[in-house]
N, C-alpha and C. Protein backbone atom coordinates (compact mmCIF):
# COMPACT_ATOMS: atom_id res chain seq x y z
N MET A 1 169.26 126.56 76.86
CA MET A 1 168.58 126.25 78.04
C MET A 1 168.20 124.75 77.97
N ALA A 2 168.50 124.11 79.09
CA ALA A 2 168.24 122.62 79.10
C ALA A 2 166.82 122.48 79.64
N LEU A 3 166.25 121.34 79.31
CA LEU A 3 164.87 121.03 79.79
C LEU A 3 164.84 120.88 81.33
N THR A 4 165.93 120.45 81.87
CA THR A 4 165.93 120.32 83.39
C THR A 4 165.90 121.66 84.09
N ASP A 5 166.25 122.72 83.39
CA ASP A 5 166.21 124.06 83.97
C ASP A 5 164.76 124.53 84.19
N LEU A 6 163.85 123.92 83.42
CA LEU A 6 162.43 124.29 83.54
C LEU A 6 161.75 123.60 84.74
N ILE A 7 162.36 122.55 85.24
CA ILE A 7 161.73 121.84 86.36
C ILE A 7 162.12 122.48 87.66
N PRO A 8 161.12 123.03 88.42
CA PRO A 8 161.44 123.82 89.56
C PRO A 8 162.18 123.12 90.71
N TRP A 9 161.92 121.82 90.92
CA TRP A 9 162.58 121.15 92.02
C TRP A 9 163.99 120.68 91.73
N LYS A 10 164.42 120.80 90.49
CA LYS A 10 165.80 120.40 90.20
C LYS A 10 166.69 121.62 89.81
N LYS A 11 166.13 122.79 90.04
CA LYS A 11 166.84 123.99 89.66
C LYS A 11 168.01 124.16 90.59
N ASN A 12 169.16 124.55 90.07
CA ASN A 12 170.42 124.79 90.82
C ASN A 12 170.85 123.56 91.61
N GLY A 13 170.41 122.42 91.20
CA GLY A 13 170.86 121.18 91.89
C GLY A 13 170.18 120.98 93.22
N ASN A 14 169.36 121.88 93.74
CA ASN A 14 168.70 121.69 95.00
C ASN A 14 167.40 120.91 94.74
N ARG A 15 167.05 120.14 95.65
CA ARG A 15 165.82 119.39 95.53
C ARG A 15 164.83 119.92 96.52
N ILE A 16 163.59 120.14 96.05
CA ILE A 16 162.50 120.59 96.91
C ILE A 16 161.74 119.31 97.32
N ALA A 17 161.52 119.23 98.59
CA ALA A 17 160.75 118.00 99.10
C ALA A 17 159.32 118.04 98.58
N VAL A 18 158.90 116.87 98.19
CA VAL A 18 157.48 116.76 97.80
C VAL A 18 156.62 116.59 98.96
N ARG A 19 155.61 117.46 99.13
CA ARG A 19 154.71 117.37 100.30
C ARG A 19 153.44 116.67 99.88
N ARG A 20 153.05 115.79 100.71
CA ARG A 20 151.82 115.09 100.49
C ARG A 20 150.89 115.46 101.63
N ARG A 21 149.77 116.04 101.29
CA ARG A 21 148.81 116.44 102.36
C ARG A 21 147.90 115.24 102.61
N ARG A 22 147.53 115.15 103.85
CA ARG A 22 146.57 114.17 104.27
C ARG A 22 145.35 114.92 104.77
N GLY A 23 144.14 114.35 104.54
CA GLY A 23 142.97 115.02 105.01
C GLY A 23 142.00 115.30 103.85
N ALA A 24 141.25 116.36 104.05
CA ALA A 24 140.11 116.67 103.11
C ALA A 24 140.58 117.30 101.84
N ASP A 25 141.87 117.74 101.77
CA ASP A 25 142.37 118.43 100.59
C ASP A 25 142.66 117.52 99.40
N THR A 26 142.96 116.29 99.67
CA THR A 26 143.40 115.39 98.64
C THR A 26 142.17 114.57 98.08
N LEU A 27 142.39 113.99 96.95
CA LEU A 27 141.41 113.14 96.33
C LEU A 27 141.09 111.89 97.19
N LEU A 28 142.12 111.43 97.86
CA LEU A 28 141.92 110.30 98.80
C LEU A 28 141.04 110.70 99.90
N GLY A 29 141.19 111.92 100.43
CA GLY A 29 140.28 112.43 101.49
C GLY A 29 138.86 112.55 101.00
N LEU A 30 138.66 113.11 99.78
CA LEU A 30 137.38 113.17 99.20
C LEU A 30 136.72 111.83 99.02
N ARG A 31 137.49 110.86 98.61
CA ARG A 31 136.97 109.54 98.42
C ARG A 31 136.55 108.91 99.78
N ASN A 32 137.30 109.16 100.77
CA ASN A 32 136.97 108.65 102.07
C ASN A 32 135.69 109.33 102.61
N GLN A 33 135.58 110.60 102.37
CA GLN A 33 134.30 111.31 102.84
C GLN A 33 133.12 110.74 102.08
N MET A 34 133.23 110.53 100.77
CA MET A 34 132.12 109.95 100.00
C MET A 34 131.79 108.58 100.47
N ASN A 35 132.78 107.72 100.79
CA ASN A 35 132.50 106.35 101.27
C ASN A 35 131.79 106.44 102.63
N ARG A 36 132.20 107.36 103.53
CA ARG A 36 131.55 107.51 104.79
C ARG A 36 130.12 108.00 104.59
N LEU A 37 129.87 108.90 103.68
CA LEU A 37 128.57 109.37 103.42
C LEU A 37 127.59 108.24 102.95
N PHE A 38 128.06 107.44 102.05
CA PHE A 38 127.24 106.31 101.57
C PHE A 38 127.06 105.25 102.68
N ASP A 39 128.07 104.97 103.46
CA ASP A 39 127.92 104.01 104.51
C ASP A 39 126.89 104.49 105.59
N GLU A 40 126.94 105.75 105.93
CA GLU A 40 125.95 106.26 106.87
C GLU A 40 124.57 106.28 106.31
N PHE A 41 124.41 106.56 105.03
CA PHE A 41 123.08 106.55 104.38
C PHE A 41 122.47 105.13 104.46
N PHE A 42 123.25 104.13 104.08
CA PHE A 42 122.73 102.77 104.04
C PHE A 42 122.58 102.09 105.40
N GLU A 43 123.24 102.67 106.40
CA GLU A 43 123.09 102.11 107.77
C GLU A 43 121.74 102.54 108.37
N ARG A 44 121.28 103.73 108.00
CA ARG A 44 119.92 104.19 108.54
C ARG A 44 118.82 103.58 107.70
N SER A 45 117.64 103.80 108.22
CA SER A 45 116.46 103.36 107.47
C SER A 45 116.27 104.20 106.24
N PHE A 46 115.40 103.76 105.33
CA PHE A 46 115.24 104.52 104.09
C PHE A 46 114.19 105.64 104.16
N GLY A 47 113.87 106.11 105.41
CA GLY A 47 112.98 107.26 105.54
C GLY A 47 113.66 108.46 104.90
N ILE A 48 112.87 109.39 104.34
CA ILE A 48 113.46 110.55 103.71
C ILE A 48 113.09 111.79 104.53
N ALA A 49 113.03 111.66 105.84
CA ALA A 49 112.61 112.76 106.70
C ALA A 49 113.58 114.01 106.56
N PRO A 50 114.89 113.83 106.36
CA PRO A 50 115.68 115.06 106.21
C PRO A 50 115.26 115.95 105.03
N PHE A 51 114.67 115.34 104.02
CA PHE A 51 114.22 116.08 102.86
C PHE A 51 112.82 116.65 103.06
N PHE A 52 112.00 116.17 103.93
CA PHE A 52 110.62 116.58 104.07
C PHE A 52 110.28 117.02 105.47
N GLY A 53 111.25 117.41 106.25
CA GLY A 53 110.99 117.93 107.59
C GLY A 53 110.48 116.80 108.50
N GLU A 54 109.44 117.06 109.30
CA GLU A 54 108.90 116.06 110.23
C GLU A 54 108.10 114.98 109.59
N TYR A 55 107.75 115.16 108.26
CA TYR A 55 106.86 114.24 107.62
C TYR A 55 107.67 113.39 106.74
N ASP A 56 107.47 112.09 106.73
CA ASP A 56 108.09 111.20 105.75
C ASP A 56 107.00 110.39 105.11
N LEU A 57 107.44 109.72 104.00
CA LEU A 57 106.41 108.98 103.25
C LEU A 57 106.53 107.46 103.52
N THR A 58 106.66 107.10 104.79
CA THR A 58 106.76 105.65 105.09
C THR A 58 105.38 105.02 105.32
N GLY A 59 104.27 105.71 105.13
CA GLY A 59 103.01 105.08 105.30
C GLY A 59 102.22 105.56 106.49
N ASP A 60 102.77 106.45 107.31
CA ASP A 60 102.02 106.92 108.45
C ASP A 60 101.12 108.04 107.95
N PHE A 61 99.95 108.07 108.57
CA PHE A 61 98.94 109.10 108.21
C PHE A 61 99.05 110.27 109.19
N ILE A 62 99.40 111.42 108.66
CA ILE A 62 99.56 112.59 109.44
C ILE A 62 98.68 113.70 108.81
N PRO A 63 97.57 114.07 109.36
CA PRO A 63 96.72 115.07 108.76
C PRO A 63 97.37 116.43 108.80
N ARG A 64 97.12 117.24 107.78
CA ARG A 64 97.60 118.57 107.67
C ARG A 64 96.65 119.51 108.40
N ILE A 65 97.13 120.51 109.07
CA ILE A 65 96.25 121.42 109.84
C ILE A 65 96.59 122.86 109.53
N ASP A 66 95.54 123.71 109.70
CA ASP A 66 95.72 125.18 109.67
C ASP A 66 95.18 125.74 110.95
N VAL A 67 95.85 126.64 111.55
CA VAL A 67 95.45 127.31 112.79
C VAL A 67 95.40 128.82 112.51
N SER A 68 94.24 129.45 112.72
CA SER A 68 94.13 130.86 112.52
C SER A 68 93.50 131.47 113.71
N GLU A 69 93.65 132.81 113.84
CA GLU A 69 93.12 133.49 115.01
C GLU A 69 92.55 134.84 114.65
N THR A 70 91.44 135.18 115.28
CA THR A 70 90.89 136.53 115.22
C THR A 70 90.85 137.05 116.64
N ASP A 71 90.26 138.25 116.79
CA ASP A 71 90.23 138.79 118.16
C ASP A 71 89.18 138.06 118.99
N ARG A 72 88.23 137.30 118.34
CA ARG A 72 87.18 136.60 119.07
C ARG A 72 87.40 135.12 119.24
N GLU A 73 88.05 134.45 118.26
CA GLU A 73 88.19 132.98 118.29
C GLU A 73 89.45 132.54 117.60
N ILE A 74 89.73 131.23 117.89
CA ILE A 74 90.82 130.50 117.22
C ILE A 74 90.15 129.41 116.38
N THR A 75 90.58 129.23 115.17
CA THR A 75 89.99 128.26 114.28
C THR A 75 91.06 127.26 113.87
N VAL A 76 90.74 125.98 114.00
CA VAL A 76 91.69 124.88 113.61
C VAL A 76 90.91 124.12 112.53
N VAL A 77 91.61 123.96 111.34
CA VAL A 77 91.06 123.17 110.26
C VAL A 77 92.01 122.04 110.02
N ALA A 78 91.52 120.78 109.92
CA ALA A 78 92.34 119.61 109.66
C ALA A 78 91.72 118.88 108.47
N GLU A 79 92.67 118.43 107.61
CA GLU A 79 92.24 117.61 106.49
C GLU A 79 92.27 116.15 106.91
N LEU A 80 91.10 115.48 106.86
CA LEU A 80 90.96 114.09 107.23
C LEU A 80 90.25 113.32 106.11
N PRO A 81 90.86 113.22 104.94
CA PRO A 81 90.14 112.60 103.81
C PRO A 81 89.92 111.13 104.08
N GLY A 82 88.75 110.64 103.64
CA GLY A 82 88.42 109.21 103.78
C GLY A 82 88.02 108.77 105.20
N MET A 83 87.82 109.70 106.07
CA MET A 83 87.46 109.37 107.45
C MET A 83 86.03 109.73 107.76
N GLU A 84 85.49 109.07 108.79
CA GLU A 84 84.14 109.31 109.25
C GLU A 84 84.21 110.09 110.62
N PRO A 85 83.19 110.86 110.92
CA PRO A 85 83.22 111.64 112.19
C PRO A 85 83.39 110.72 113.41
N GLU A 86 82.90 109.52 113.41
CA GLU A 86 83.03 108.60 114.59
C GLU A 86 84.45 108.12 114.78
N ASP A 87 85.35 108.27 113.76
CA ASP A 87 86.74 107.84 113.90
C ASP A 87 87.61 108.89 114.45
N ILE A 88 87.02 110.10 114.80
CA ILE A 88 87.82 111.26 115.22
C ILE A 88 87.55 111.54 116.69
N ASN A 89 88.59 111.78 117.45
CA ASN A 89 88.45 112.19 118.83
C ASN A 89 89.04 113.59 119.05
N LEU A 90 88.32 114.48 119.74
CA LEU A 90 88.79 115.82 120.06
C LEU A 90 88.84 115.97 121.58
N THR A 91 89.90 116.48 122.10
CA THR A 91 90.05 116.79 123.52
C THR A 91 90.70 118.14 123.69
N LEU A 92 90.35 118.82 124.78
CA LEU A 92 90.99 120.05 125.13
C LEU A 92 91.38 119.98 126.60
N SER A 93 92.69 120.12 126.84
CA SER A 93 93.18 120.08 128.17
C SER A 93 94.34 121.02 128.37
N ARG A 94 94.26 121.96 129.29
CA ARG A 94 95.25 122.91 129.56
C ARG A 94 95.72 123.65 128.34
N ASN A 95 94.76 124.18 127.59
CA ASN A 95 95.00 124.97 126.39
C ASN A 95 95.72 124.18 125.31
N ILE A 96 95.57 122.87 125.27
CA ILE A 96 96.13 122.11 124.19
C ILE A 96 94.95 121.28 123.56
N LEU A 97 94.71 121.58 122.33
CA LEU A 97 93.69 120.85 121.54
C LEU A 97 94.38 119.60 120.90
N THR A 98 93.77 118.46 121.17
CA THR A 98 94.30 117.20 120.63
C THR A 98 93.31 116.53 119.65
N ILE A 99 93.79 116.35 118.45
CA ILE A 99 92.96 115.65 117.44
C ILE A 99 93.54 114.31 117.23
N SER A 100 92.81 113.27 117.45
CA SER A 100 93.37 111.92 117.26
C SER A 100 92.30 111.03 116.59
N GLY A 101 92.75 109.92 116.11
CA GLY A 101 91.84 109.00 115.42
C GLY A 101 92.61 107.96 114.67
N GLU A 102 91.91 107.25 113.81
CA GLU A 102 92.51 106.24 112.97
C GLU A 102 91.86 106.22 111.67
N LYS A 103 92.74 106.26 110.63
CA LYS A 103 92.26 106.05 109.23
C LYS A 103 92.49 104.65 108.88
N ARG A 104 91.40 103.97 108.51
CA ARG A 104 91.48 102.50 108.20
C ARG A 104 91.40 102.29 106.71
N SER A 105 92.02 101.19 106.27
CA SER A 105 91.95 100.80 104.87
C SER A 105 90.55 100.21 104.60
N GLU A 106 89.98 100.63 103.48
CA GLU A 106 88.62 100.19 103.18
C GLU A 106 88.50 98.70 102.96
N VAL A 107 89.30 98.11 102.03
CA VAL A 107 89.20 96.73 101.74
C VAL A 107 90.58 96.13 101.52
N GLU A 108 90.83 94.99 102.13
CA GLU A 108 92.09 94.31 101.91
C GLU A 108 91.85 93.03 101.13
N GLU A 109 92.43 92.94 99.94
CA GLU A 109 92.31 91.77 99.12
C GLU A 109 93.68 91.01 99.02
N GLU A 110 93.59 89.74 99.32
CA GLU A 110 94.84 88.95 99.38
C GLU A 110 95.39 88.62 97.99
N ASP A 111 94.50 88.51 97.00
CA ASP A 111 94.91 88.12 95.62
C ASP A 111 95.41 89.29 94.81
N ARG A 112 95.37 90.44 95.42
CA ARG A 112 95.76 91.66 94.66
C ARG A 112 97.26 91.90 94.71
N HIS A 113 97.81 92.30 93.61
CA HIS A 113 99.24 92.60 93.58
C HIS A 113 99.39 94.11 93.26
N PHE A 114 99.94 94.79 94.21
CA PHE A 114 100.08 96.27 94.00
C PHE A 114 101.34 96.66 93.22
N TYR A 115 101.25 97.59 92.32
CA TYR A 115 102.37 98.08 91.65
C TYR A 115 102.89 99.37 92.29
N ARG A 116 101.98 100.07 92.98
CA ARG A 116 102.30 101.29 93.62
C ARG A 116 101.33 101.57 94.81
N VAL A 117 101.85 101.90 95.92
CA VAL A 117 101.03 102.21 97.09
C VAL A 117 101.41 103.56 97.64
N GLU A 118 100.54 104.56 97.51
CA GLU A 118 100.91 105.93 98.03
C GLU A 118 99.94 106.35 99.12
N ARG A 119 98.71 105.75 99.17
CA ARG A 119 97.82 106.16 100.23
C ARG A 119 98.29 105.65 101.55
N SER A 120 98.08 106.41 102.60
CA SER A 120 98.54 106.04 103.91
C SER A 120 97.36 105.86 104.88
N TYR A 121 97.55 104.96 105.87
CA TYR A 121 96.61 104.64 106.84
C TYR A 121 97.25 104.55 108.17
N GLY A 122 96.46 104.54 109.25
CA GLY A 122 97.00 104.33 110.55
C GLY A 122 96.42 105.31 111.54
N SER A 123 96.86 105.16 112.79
CA SER A 123 96.34 106.07 113.83
C SER A 123 97.23 107.30 113.80
N PHE A 124 96.64 108.39 114.33
CA PHE A 124 97.35 109.64 114.36
C PHE A 124 96.91 110.41 115.61
N CYS A 125 97.77 111.37 115.99
CA CYS A 125 97.47 112.23 117.12
C CYS A 125 98.25 113.53 116.92
N ARG A 126 97.51 114.59 116.79
CA ARG A 126 98.05 115.95 116.65
C ARG A 126 97.66 116.83 117.81
N SER A 127 98.66 117.42 118.48
CA SER A 127 98.39 118.29 119.65
C SER A 127 98.77 119.72 119.24
N ILE A 128 97.81 120.64 119.42
CA ILE A 128 97.99 121.99 119.04
C ILE A 128 97.93 122.88 120.25
N PRO A 129 99.02 123.52 120.69
CA PRO A 129 98.97 124.48 121.78
C PRO A 129 98.28 125.69 121.37
N LEU A 130 97.31 126.14 122.11
CA LEU A 130 96.50 127.34 121.86
C LEU A 130 97.10 128.55 122.48
N PRO A 131 97.11 129.73 121.81
CA PRO A 131 97.77 130.91 122.40
C PRO A 131 97.02 131.55 123.53
N ASP A 132 95.68 131.40 123.61
CA ASP A 132 94.84 132.01 124.64
C ASP A 132 93.90 131.00 125.24
N GLU A 133 93.26 131.39 126.34
CA GLU A 133 92.31 130.58 126.99
C GLU A 133 91.02 130.60 126.17
N VAL A 134 90.33 129.44 126.04
CA VAL A 134 89.10 129.37 125.22
C VAL A 134 87.96 129.00 126.11
N ASP A 135 86.76 129.39 125.71
CA ASP A 135 85.56 129.09 126.47
C ASP A 135 85.16 127.67 126.08
N GLU A 136 85.39 126.72 126.92
CA GLU A 136 85.27 125.32 126.68
C GLU A 136 83.74 124.95 126.36
N ASP A 137 82.83 125.73 126.93
CA ASP A 137 81.38 125.42 126.73
C ASP A 137 80.88 125.80 125.38
N LYS A 138 81.64 126.61 124.66
CA LYS A 138 81.10 127.13 123.39
C LYS A 138 81.93 126.61 122.18
N ILE A 139 82.68 125.59 122.37
CA ILE A 139 83.53 125.03 121.24
C ILE A 139 82.60 124.41 120.27
N ASP A 140 82.85 124.66 118.96
CA ASP A 140 82.01 124.06 117.93
C ASP A 140 82.88 123.33 116.93
N ALA A 141 82.56 122.05 116.64
CA ALA A 141 83.38 121.27 115.72
C ALA A 141 82.45 120.71 114.71
N THR A 142 82.79 120.94 113.37
CA THR A 142 82.00 120.39 112.26
C THR A 142 82.86 119.61 111.34
N PHE A 143 82.34 118.62 110.71
CA PHE A 143 83.06 117.73 109.81
C PHE A 143 82.27 117.61 108.49
N LYS A 144 82.84 118.07 107.42
CA LYS A 144 82.14 118.09 106.09
C LYS A 144 83.19 117.77 105.01
N ARG A 145 82.89 116.79 104.20
CA ARG A 145 83.68 116.38 103.07
C ARG A 145 85.17 116.18 103.37
N GLY A 146 85.39 115.55 104.50
CA GLY A 146 86.80 115.20 104.89
C GLY A 146 87.57 116.29 105.54
N VAL A 147 86.87 117.42 105.88
CA VAL A 147 87.57 118.52 106.53
C VAL A 147 86.91 118.80 107.92
N LEU A 148 87.71 118.73 108.96
CA LEU A 148 87.27 118.99 110.32
C LEU A 148 87.58 120.47 110.63
N LYS A 149 86.57 121.20 111.06
CA LYS A 149 86.71 122.61 111.38
C LYS A 149 86.32 122.79 112.89
N VAL A 150 87.21 123.27 113.71
CA VAL A 150 86.95 123.48 115.15
C VAL A 150 87.09 124.94 115.43
N LYS A 151 85.99 125.55 115.95
CA LYS A 151 86.00 126.95 116.30
C LYS A 151 86.07 126.99 117.86
N LEU A 152 87.06 127.73 118.38
CA LEU A 152 87.31 127.82 119.82
C LEU A 152 87.20 129.28 120.21
N PRO A 153 86.04 129.70 120.69
CA PRO A 153 85.88 131.11 121.09
C PRO A 153 86.76 131.43 122.30
N LYS A 154 87.33 132.61 122.31
CA LYS A 154 88.20 133.07 123.42
C LYS A 154 87.30 133.48 124.61
N THR A 155 87.84 133.38 125.76
CA THR A 155 87.08 133.81 126.94
C THR A 155 87.17 135.37 126.94
N ALA A 156 86.22 135.94 127.66
CA ALA A 156 86.10 137.39 127.74
C ALA A 156 87.38 138.01 128.31
N GLU A 157 87.99 137.33 129.25
CA GLU A 157 89.22 137.79 129.89
C GLU A 157 90.38 137.74 128.84
N ALA A 158 90.44 136.69 128.07
CA ALA A 158 91.47 136.59 127.04
C ALA A 158 91.31 137.72 125.95
N ARG A 159 90.09 138.06 125.61
CA ARG A 159 89.84 139.11 124.68
C ARG A 159 90.24 140.48 125.21
N LYS A 160 90.08 140.69 126.49
CA LYS A 160 90.44 141.98 127.13
C LYS A 160 91.94 142.18 127.20
N ARG A 161 92.64 141.08 127.38
CA ARG A 161 94.13 141.22 127.55
C ARG A 161 94.78 141.88 126.38
N GLY A 162 94.43 141.53 125.19
CA GLY A 162 95.11 142.09 124.03
C GLY A 162 94.33 143.21 123.48
N ARG A 163 94.97 144.32 123.20
CA ARG A 163 94.27 145.42 122.59
C ARG A 163 95.17 146.15 121.68
N LEU A 164 94.67 146.80 120.70
CA LEU A 164 95.43 147.53 119.75
C LEU A 164 95.89 148.88 120.35
N ILE A 165 97.13 149.21 120.22
CA ILE A 165 97.68 150.48 120.72
C ILE A 165 97.92 151.36 119.54
N PRO A 166 97.23 152.52 119.49
CA PRO A 166 97.45 153.43 118.34
C PRO A 166 98.83 154.07 118.47
N VAL A 167 99.42 154.30 117.29
CA VAL A 167 100.75 155.04 117.22
C VAL A 167 100.42 156.41 116.68
N LYS A 168 100.93 157.45 117.37
CA LYS A 168 100.69 158.80 116.98
C LYS A 168 101.92 159.37 116.34
N THR A 169 101.71 160.28 115.45
CA THR A 169 102.85 160.98 114.77
C THR A 169 102.84 162.43 115.31
N LYS A 170 104.03 163.07 115.33
CA LYS A 170 104.13 164.42 115.84
C LYS A 170 104.12 165.43 114.72
C-alpha cells in the first residue's frame, strides 16, 4: 500500500475540491467577531451598566429603596447616607411618590491627590408608583441616621377594594 492511498482526496486519481467556508465557522470569522467586539466596547463610554443593571459606578448618587405594603399602609424606606433632612424633597402626585435631593461633598481640597474615589455625590430623583390610593393628609416621613422612612396610609376605599377570599375544600 502506497502512502498516497491513505490520502482521501487523491484516492483513485480523483480529486476532491477543497471547500473553504466563510463566516462564523472559521478562525478568520472568529477573529473578525472578536475585533468587532473590542471595537464596539472601546467606542462606547466606559460605564459598566450592562453588568450592574440600571446602576453604574460613574459617580452618580442613586439611593437604594425598599417598598413594602400591608393591608393598611405602604412603607417606603430610602438609604440617604451623609445627607441632612433639609436636602431632601418629598412630593406625592397622582399616586407617584417622588424623592429628590442633592448629596453634596463635604470639603473640597485643591492640594489633595486622590488615589481612589468611590463615594458618589450629586442630585438624584427617584419616582415610585404606588399600587393604591393613599390618604395624603396622614403621610408620615421620618429621617434618622441616614435612613428616610415614609409611611403612606391607604384610604378607606382602597382598603375595602382588596379582601381575602377563603378557599374551601370538599
